[in-house]
Every structure is written in C-alpha cells, then in structure tokens.
C-alpha cells in the first residue's frame, strides 16, 4: 500500500517531459570522460563520445543517432533515460537538469569490454556489423559501470533537430566542448 506521504513526493505527471525534450547537453564524468547528449523526442536520443580531458576513454569517437529509449520524469527537474544498445549493452542515465548532474549506470556487453574499438564508429552505418559482434558475443558476464558527472552546457535545440548531432566527435569545431552556461 502506498502511503500518502510517499504519494505526495511523486511527480504530478511522470510523463511530462516538456522541460527535457529538445535539450542538448555536454557533460563530463568524474573520470574525465566527456559526452554529448541530445534528447531528440520522447523516445529517441542522439549522442557522441568525445576525447577525454583526463583519462583515456576506449569509446572515444563513437556516435549514435535515433537510439530508442524509455524516458520518465522522476521529479521536478530529474529524469531517467534508459536503453538497450544494439551492442547488447544496457544503459540508464539519471539527469538532474536543475542541479546539472548526471549519473550513468551501464552494463557493458563482454565483447564491448574486450573490444571497445569495434564500437568506435557511427553506429547507424554499421548496424549489421555491430549486431553480428553482439550475436557472436559473448554478452556475459557484463561489465558494470557507475559514474557521476557534471553538466557544463545545456541548450534547448528543439525537438527532432537533425543538425544537433550531425558529425563525428572528431569533426566538431574547435572550442565546441569548452562552452559553458
């Protein structure tokens, strides 16, 4: 049974995503790994993995468009975005747009942990190859990952804007990742 105290802490409408949709974010995890995420619409995201500012990220150069997701509002400015990649990797991001932090929980497929370089492509153009790697595996045991990060840049880029993430991470203009607001 749900207590009235708990029920009053739930968001009024956990599917009101209006403050999140169209957001374009640049964020850096505590280990220095830098990512970019565009919440394209209520069930799709685009993202890029950029060169790290501190530690080598074996996924640098990977980018994806139209990743199917499940998005839910957890609180006033807090959201959960979860997906299962064609690689077999499971991802959950918790974003607090108001306090500007992100938490990543992932379970990387064994083959991705063993050979991350195979995923450092524009995934959309390599789906049959990625799916063949996944199907060959191994998927298990998966490698868990748990990272906190800080959102350094956020802008409303509108919904379904194909121009937001339209090139490889190495092709962004100089200074692109240095923007803050």
C-alpha atoms as a PDB file:
ATOM      1  CA  UNK A   1       0.000   0.000   0.000  1.00  0.00           C
ATOM      2  CA  UNK A   2       1.299   3.464  -0.925  1.00  0.00           C
ATOM      3  CA  UNK A   3       1.348   5.906   1.932  1.00  0.00           C
ATOM      4  CA  UNK A   4       0.034   9.420   1.383  1.00  0.00           C
ATOM      5  CA  UNK A   5       3.469  10.814   2.341  1.00  0.00           C
ATOM      6  CA  UNK A   6       5.133   8.812  -0.444  1.00  0.00           C
ATOM      7  CA  UNK A   7       2.434   9.637  -2.954  1.00  0.00           C
ATOM      8  CA  UNK A   8       2.848  13.386  -2.414  1.00  0.00           C
ATOM      9  CA  UNK A   9       6.552  13.078  -3.276  1.00  0.00           C
ATOM     10  CA  UNK A  10       5.852  11.622  -6.717  1.00  0.00           C
ATOM     11  CA  UNK A  11       5.872  13.989  -9.690  1.00  0.00           C
ATOM     12  CA  UNK A  12       2.433  15.245 -10.668  1.00  0.00           C
ATOM     13  CA  UNK A  13       2.864  13.690 -14.111  1.00  0.00           C
ATOM     14  CA  UNK A  14       5.845  11.407 -14.652  1.00  0.00           C
ATOM     15  CA  UNK A  15       5.325  11.616 -18.397  1.00  0.00           C
ATOM     16  CA  UNK A  16       5.505  15.424 -18.593  1.00  0.00           C
ATOM     17  CA  UNK A  17       8.824  15.591 -20.421  1.00  0.00           C
ATOM     18  CA  UNK A  18       8.373  19.104 -21.792  1.00  0.00           C
ATOM     19  CA  UNK A  19      11.330  20.577 -19.864  1.00  0.00           C
ATOM     20  CA  UNK A  20      13.650  17.819 -21.116  1.00  0.00           C
ATOM     21  CA  UNK A  21      12.715  17.289 -24.751  1.00  0.00           C
ATOM     22  CA  UNK A  22      14.998  19.097 -27.169  1.00  0.00           C
ATOM     23  CA  UNK A  23      17.746  19.574 -24.574  1.00  0.00           C
ATOM     24  CA  UNK A  24      21.312  19.364 -25.897  1.00  0.00           C
ATOM     25  CA  UNK A  25      23.801  18.622 -23.116  1.00  0.00           C
ATOM     26  CA  UNK A  26      27.565  18.423 -22.773  1.00  0.00           C
ATOM     27  CA  UNK A  27      28.743  16.714 -19.605  1.00  0.00           C
ATOM     28  CA  UNK A  28      31.901  15.297 -18.091  1.00  0.00           C
ATOM     29  CA  UNK A  29      32.133  12.325 -15.776  1.00  0.00           C
ATOM     30  CA  UNK A  30      34.362  12.405 -12.689  1.00  0.00           C
ATOM     31  CA  UNK A  31      36.993  10.325 -14.545  1.00  0.00           C
ATOM     32  CA  UNK A  32      37.221  12.996 -17.275  1.00  0.00           C
ATOM     33  CA  UNK A  33      35.187  11.204 -19.941  1.00  0.00           C
ATOM     34  CA  UNK A  34      33.231  13.764 -21.953  1.00  0.00           C
ATOM     35  CA  UNK A  35      29.879  13.058 -23.609  1.00  0.00           C
ATOM     36  CA  UNK A  36      27.236  14.910 -25.522  1.00  0.00           C
ATOM     37  CA  UNK A  37      23.543  14.002 -25.469  1.00  0.00           C
ATOM     38  CA  UNK A  38      20.586  15.354 -27.390  1.00  0.00           C
ATOM     39  CA  UNK A  39      17.120  14.361 -26.182  1.00  0.00           C
ATOM     40  CA  UNK A  40      15.576  14.327 -29.638  1.00  0.00           C
ATOM     41  CA  UNK A  41      11.989  13.484 -28.658  1.00  0.00           C
ATOM     42  CA  UNK A  42      10.009  11.434 -26.141  1.00  0.00           C
ATOM     43  CA  UNK A  43      11.649   8.133 -27.131  1.00  0.00           C
ATOM     44  CA  UNK A  44      14.888   8.910 -29.019  1.00  0.00           C
ATOM     45  CA  UNK A  45      18.311  10.313 -28.188  1.00  0.00           C
ATOM     46  CA  UNK A  46      21.456  11.077 -30.171  1.00  0.00           C
ATOM     47  CA  UNK A  47      24.880  11.032 -28.510  1.00  0.00           C
ATOM     48  CA  UNK A  48      28.624  11.342 -29.094  1.00  0.00           C
ATOM     49  CA  UNK A  49      31.608  10.182 -27.069  1.00  0.00           C
ATOM     50  CA  UNK A  50      34.317  12.855 -27.127  1.00  0.00           C
ATOM     51  CA  UNK A  51      38.019  12.657 -26.305  1.00  0.00           C
ATOM     52  CA  UNK A  52      38.616  12.589 -22.571  1.00  0.00           C
ATOM     53  CA  UNK A  53      40.171  15.500 -20.761  1.00  0.00           C
ATOM     54  CA  UNK A  54      41.892  13.300 -18.123  1.00  0.00           C
ATOM     55  CA  UNK A  55      41.701   9.573 -18.765  1.00  0.00           C
ATOM     56  CA  UNK A  56      41.641   7.502 -21.944  1.00  0.00           C
ATOM     57  CA  UNK A  57      38.072   6.575 -22.851  1.00  0.00           C
ATOM     58  CA  UNK A  58      38.113   3.455 -25.042  1.00  0.00           C
ATOM     59  CA  UNK A  59      34.788   4.523 -26.612  1.00  0.00           C
ATOM     60  CA  UNK A  60      36.032   7.923 -27.852  1.00  0.00           C
ATOM     61  CA  UNK A  61      34.766   8.524 -31.361  1.00  0.00           C
ATOM     62  CA  UNK A  62      31.535   6.523 -31.011  1.00  0.00           C
ATOM     63  CA  UNK A  63      28.342   8.292 -32.030  1.00  0.00           C
ATOM     64  CA  UNK A  64      24.741   7.247 -32.388  1.00  0.00           C
ATOM     65  CA  UNK A  65      21.557   8.778 -33.774  1.00  0.00           C
ATOM     66  CA  UNK A  66      17.964   7.796 -33.038  1.00  0.00           C
ATOM     67  CA  UNK A  67      18.717   5.462 -30.127  1.00  0.00           C
ATOM     68  CA  UNK A  68      15.349   4.131 -28.931  1.00  0.00           C
ATOM     69  CA  UNK A  69      14.838   4.942 -25.236  1.00  0.00           C
ATOM     70  CA  UNK A  70      12.415   4.881 -22.355  1.00  0.00           C
ATOM     71  CA  UNK A  71      12.224   8.275 -20.649  1.00  0.00           C
ATOM     72  CA  UNK A  72      10.465   9.080 -17.385  1.00  0.00           C
ATOM     73  CA  UNK A  73      10.291  12.148 -15.183  1.00  0.00           C
ATOM     74  CA  UNK A  74      11.400  11.332 -11.634  1.00  0.00           C
ATOM     75  CA  UNK A  75      10.965  14.772 -10.066  1.00  0.00           C
ATOM     76  CA  UNK A  76      10.782  18.475 -10.839  1.00  0.00           C
ATOM     77  CA  UNK A  77      13.986  18.526 -12.898  1.00  0.00           C
ATOM     78  CA  UNK A  78      15.060  14.881 -12.684  1.00  0.00           C
ATOM     79  CA  UNK A  79      14.691  12.311 -15.443  1.00  0.00           C
ATOM     80  CA  UNK A  80      15.622   8.715 -16.203  1.00  0.00           C
ATOM     81  CA  UNK A  81      16.639   7.752 -19.740  1.00  0.00           C
ATOM     82  CA  UNK A  82      17.237   4.039 -20.352  1.00  0.00           C
ATOM     83  CA  UNK A  83      18.063   1.977 -23.406  1.00  0.00           C
ATOM     84  CA  UNK A  84      19.467  -1.294 -24.636  1.00  0.00           C
ATOM     85  CA  UNK A  85      22.019  -0.738 -27.380  1.00  0.00           C
ATOM     86  CA  UNK A  86      22.363  -2.967 -30.451  1.00  0.00           C
ATOM     87  CA  UNK A  87      25.723  -3.944 -28.904  1.00  0.00           C
ATOM     88  CA  UNK A  88      23.916  -5.714 -26.047  1.00  0.00           C
ATOM     89  CA  UNK A  89      24.940  -3.002 -23.577  1.00  0.00           C
ATOM     90  CA  UNK A  90      22.228  -1.711 -21.216  1.00  0.00           C
ATOM     91  CA  UNK A  91      22.330   1.963 -20.195  1.00  0.00           C
ATOM     92  CA  UNK A  92      20.479   4.107 -17.680  1.00  0.00           C
ATOM     93  CA  UNK A  93      21.121   7.825 -17.264  1.00  0.00           C
ATOM     94  CA  UNK A  94      19.612   9.848 -14.464  1.00  0.00           C
ATOM     95  CA  UNK A  95      19.753  13.558 -15.264  1.00  0.00           C
ATOM     96  CA  UNK A  96      19.045  16.394 -12.881  1.00  0.00           C
ATOM     97  CA  UNK A  97      18.725  19.353 -15.211  1.00  0.00           C
ATOM     98  CA  UNK A  98      18.144  21.799 -12.347  1.00  0.00           C
ATOM     99  CA  UNK A  99      21.217  20.824 -10.332  1.00  0.00           C
ATOM    100  CA  UNK A 100      23.163  19.970 -13.529  1.00  0.00           C
ATOM    101  CA  UNK A 101      24.403  16.488 -12.794  1.00  0.00           C
ATOM    102  CA  UNK A 102      24.171  13.119 -14.491  1.00  0.00           C
ATOM    103  CA  UNK A 103      24.541   9.566 -13.198  1.00  0.00           C
ATOM    104  CA  UNK A 104      25.377   6.731 -15.580  1.00  0.00           C
ATOM    105  CA  UNK A 105      24.709   3.094 -14.815  1.00  0.00           C
ATOM    106  CA  UNK A 106      25.675   0.712 -17.573  1.00  0.00           C
ATOM    107  CA  UNK A 107      26.173  -2.975 -18.101  1.00  0.00           C
ATOM    108  CA  UNK A 108      28.604  -3.339 -20.974  1.00  0.00           C
ATOM    109  CA  UNK A 109      28.395  -6.495 -23.057  1.00  0.00           C
ATOM    110  CA  UNK A 110      31.514  -8.633 -22.574  1.00  0.00           C
ATOM    111  CA  UNK A 111      32.515  -8.300 -26.226  1.00  0.00           C
ATOM    112  CA  UNK A 112      32.326  -4.477 -25.911  1.00  0.00           C
ATOM    113  CA  UNK A 113      34.552  -4.554 -22.803  1.00  0.00           C
ATOM    114  CA  UNK A 114      37.000  -6.864 -24.603  1.00  0.00           C
ATOM    115  CA  UNK A 115      36.990  -4.969 -27.925  1.00  0.00           C
ATOM    116  CA  UNK A 116      35.640  -1.409 -27.459  1.00  0.00           C
ATOM    117  CA  UNK A 117      37.382  -0.305 -30.668  1.00  0.00           C
ATOM    118  CA  UNK A 118      34.763  -2.267 -32.648  1.00  0.00           C
ATOM    119  CA  UNK A 119      32.091   0.199 -31.476  1.00  0.00           C
ATOM    120  CA  UNK A 120      34.044   3.384 -32.212  1.00  0.00           C
ATOM    121  CA  UNK A 121      32.061   4.184 -35.349  1.00  0.00           C
ATOM    122  CA  UNK A 122      28.899   5.949 -36.421  1.00  0.00           C
ATOM    123  CA  UNK A 123      26.756   3.075 -35.193  1.00  0.00           C
ATOM    124  CA  UNK A 124      23.859   3.777 -37.575  1.00  0.00           C
ATOM    125  CA  UNK A 125      26.064   2.997 -40.590  1.00  0.00           C
ATOM    126  CA  UNK A 126      27.440  -0.201 -39.013  1.00  0.00           C
ATOM    127  CA  UNK A 127      24.352  -1.883 -37.521  1.00  0.00           C
ATOM    128  CA  UNK A 128      24.728  -5.265 -39.289  1.00  0.00           C
ATOM    129  CA  UNK A 129      28.385  -5.460 -38.195  1.00  0.00           C
ATOM    130  CA  UNK A 130      27.577  -4.404 -34.607  1.00  0.00           C
ATOM    131  CA  UNK A 131      24.700  -6.895 -34.411  1.00  0.00           C
ATOM    132  CA  UNK A 132      26.953  -9.671 -35.740  1.00  0.00           C
ATOM    133  CA  UNK A 133      29.509  -8.905 -32.990  1.00  0.00           C
ATOM    134  CA  UNK A 134      26.688  -8.933 -30.432  1.00  0.00           C
ATOM    135  CA  UNK A 135      25.278 -12.211 -31.724  1.00  0.00           C
ATOM    136  CA  UNK A 136      28.753 -13.804 -31.720  1.00  0.00           C
ATOM    137  CA  UNK A 137      29.297 -12.426 -28.214  1.00  0.00           C
ATOM    138  CA  UNK A 138      29.991 -13.091 -25.603  1.00  0.00           C
ATOM    139  CA  UNK A 139      27.410 -10.834 -23.958  1.00  0.00           C
ATOM    140  CA  UNK A 140      28.054 -12.120 -20.420  1.00  0.00           C
ATOM    141  CA  UNK A 141      29.460 -11.587 -17.973  1.00  0.00           C
ATOM    142  CA  UNK A 142      28.583  -7.951 -18.433  1.00  0.00           C
ATOM    143  CA  UNK A 143      30.886  -5.261 -17.043  1.00  0.00           C
ATOM    144  CA  UNK A 144      29.053  -2.869 -14.694  1.00  0.00           C
ATOM    145  CA  UNK A 145      29.841   0.839 -14.826  1.00  0.00           C
ATOM    146  CA  UNK A 146      28.793   3.536 -12.371  1.00  0.00           C
ATOM    147  CA  UNK A 147      29.756   7.174 -12.994  1.00  0.00           C
ATOM    148  CA  UNK A 148      28.654  10.618 -11.830  1.00  0.00           C
ATOM    149  CA  UNK A 149      29.172  13.687 -13.972  1.00  0.00           C
ATOM    150  CA  UNK A 150      28.541  17.405 -14.231  1.00  0.00           C
ATOM    151  CA  UNK A 151      26.562  19.082 -16.986  1.00  0.00           C
ATOM    152  CA  UNK A 152      28.644  22.022 -18.230  1.00  0.00           C
ATOM    153  CA  UNK A 153      26.455  23.101 -21.142  1.00  0.00           C
ATOM    154  CA  UNK A 154      22.720  22.858 -21.803  1.00  0.00           C
ATOM    155  CA  UNK A 155      20.629  24.431 -24.526  1.00  0.00           C
ATOM    156  CA  UNK A 156      17.161  23.931 -25.939  1.00  0.00           C
ATOM    157  CA  UNK A 157      17.715  22.854 -29.532  1.00  0.00           C
ATOM    158  CA  UNK A 158      14.113  21.983 -30.285  1.00  0.00           C
ATOM    159  CA  UNK A 159      12.605  18.594 -30.951  1.00  0.00           C
ATOM    160  CA  UNK A 160      13.749  16.341 -33.829  1.00  0.00           C
ATOM    161  CA  UNK A 161      16.550  18.693 -34.897  1.00  0.00           C
ATOM    162  CA  UNK A 162      18.838  16.564 -37.079  1.00  0.00           C
ATOM    163  CA  UNK A 163      21.511  19.289 -37.095  1.00  0.00           C
ATOM    164  CA  UNK A 164      22.341  18.980 -33.365  1.00  0.00           C
ATOM    165  CA  UNK A 165      24.472  15.827 -33.616  1.00  0.00           C
ATOM    166  CA  UNK A 166      25.300  15.561 -37.300  1.00  0.00           C
ATOM    167  CA  UNK A 167      29.003  14.702 -37.465  1.00  0.00           C
ATOM    168  CA  UNK A 168      31.613  12.524 -35.804  1.00  0.00           C
ATOM    169  CA  UNK A 169      33.098  13.655 -32.466  1.00  0.00           C
ATOM    170  CA  UNK A 170      36.415  14.476 -34.132  1.00  0.00           C
ATOM    171  CA  UNK A 171      34.689  16.831 -36.570  1.00  0.00           C
ATOM    172  CA  UNK A 172      33.173  19.297 -34.083  1.00  0.00           C
ATOM    173  CA  UNK A 173      34.574  22.855 -34.312  1.00  0.00           C
ATOM    174  CA  UNK A 174      37.426  23.968 -32.075  1.00  0.00           C
ATOM    175  CA  UNK A 175      36.086  25.211 -28.731  1.00  0.00           C
ATOM    176  CA  UNK A 176      32.787  23.336 -29.139  1.00  0.00           C
ATOM    177  CA  UNK A 177      33.263  21.283 -25.967  1.00  0.00           C
ATOM    178  CA  UNK A 178      34.620  24.232 -23.966  1.00  0.00           C
ATOM    179  CA  UNK A 179      31.267  26.041 -23.966  1.00  0.00           C
ATOM    180  CA  UNK A 180      29.641  26.504 -20.577  1.00  0.00           C
ATOM    181  CA  UNK A 181      26.484  28.164 -19.356  1.00  0.00           C
END
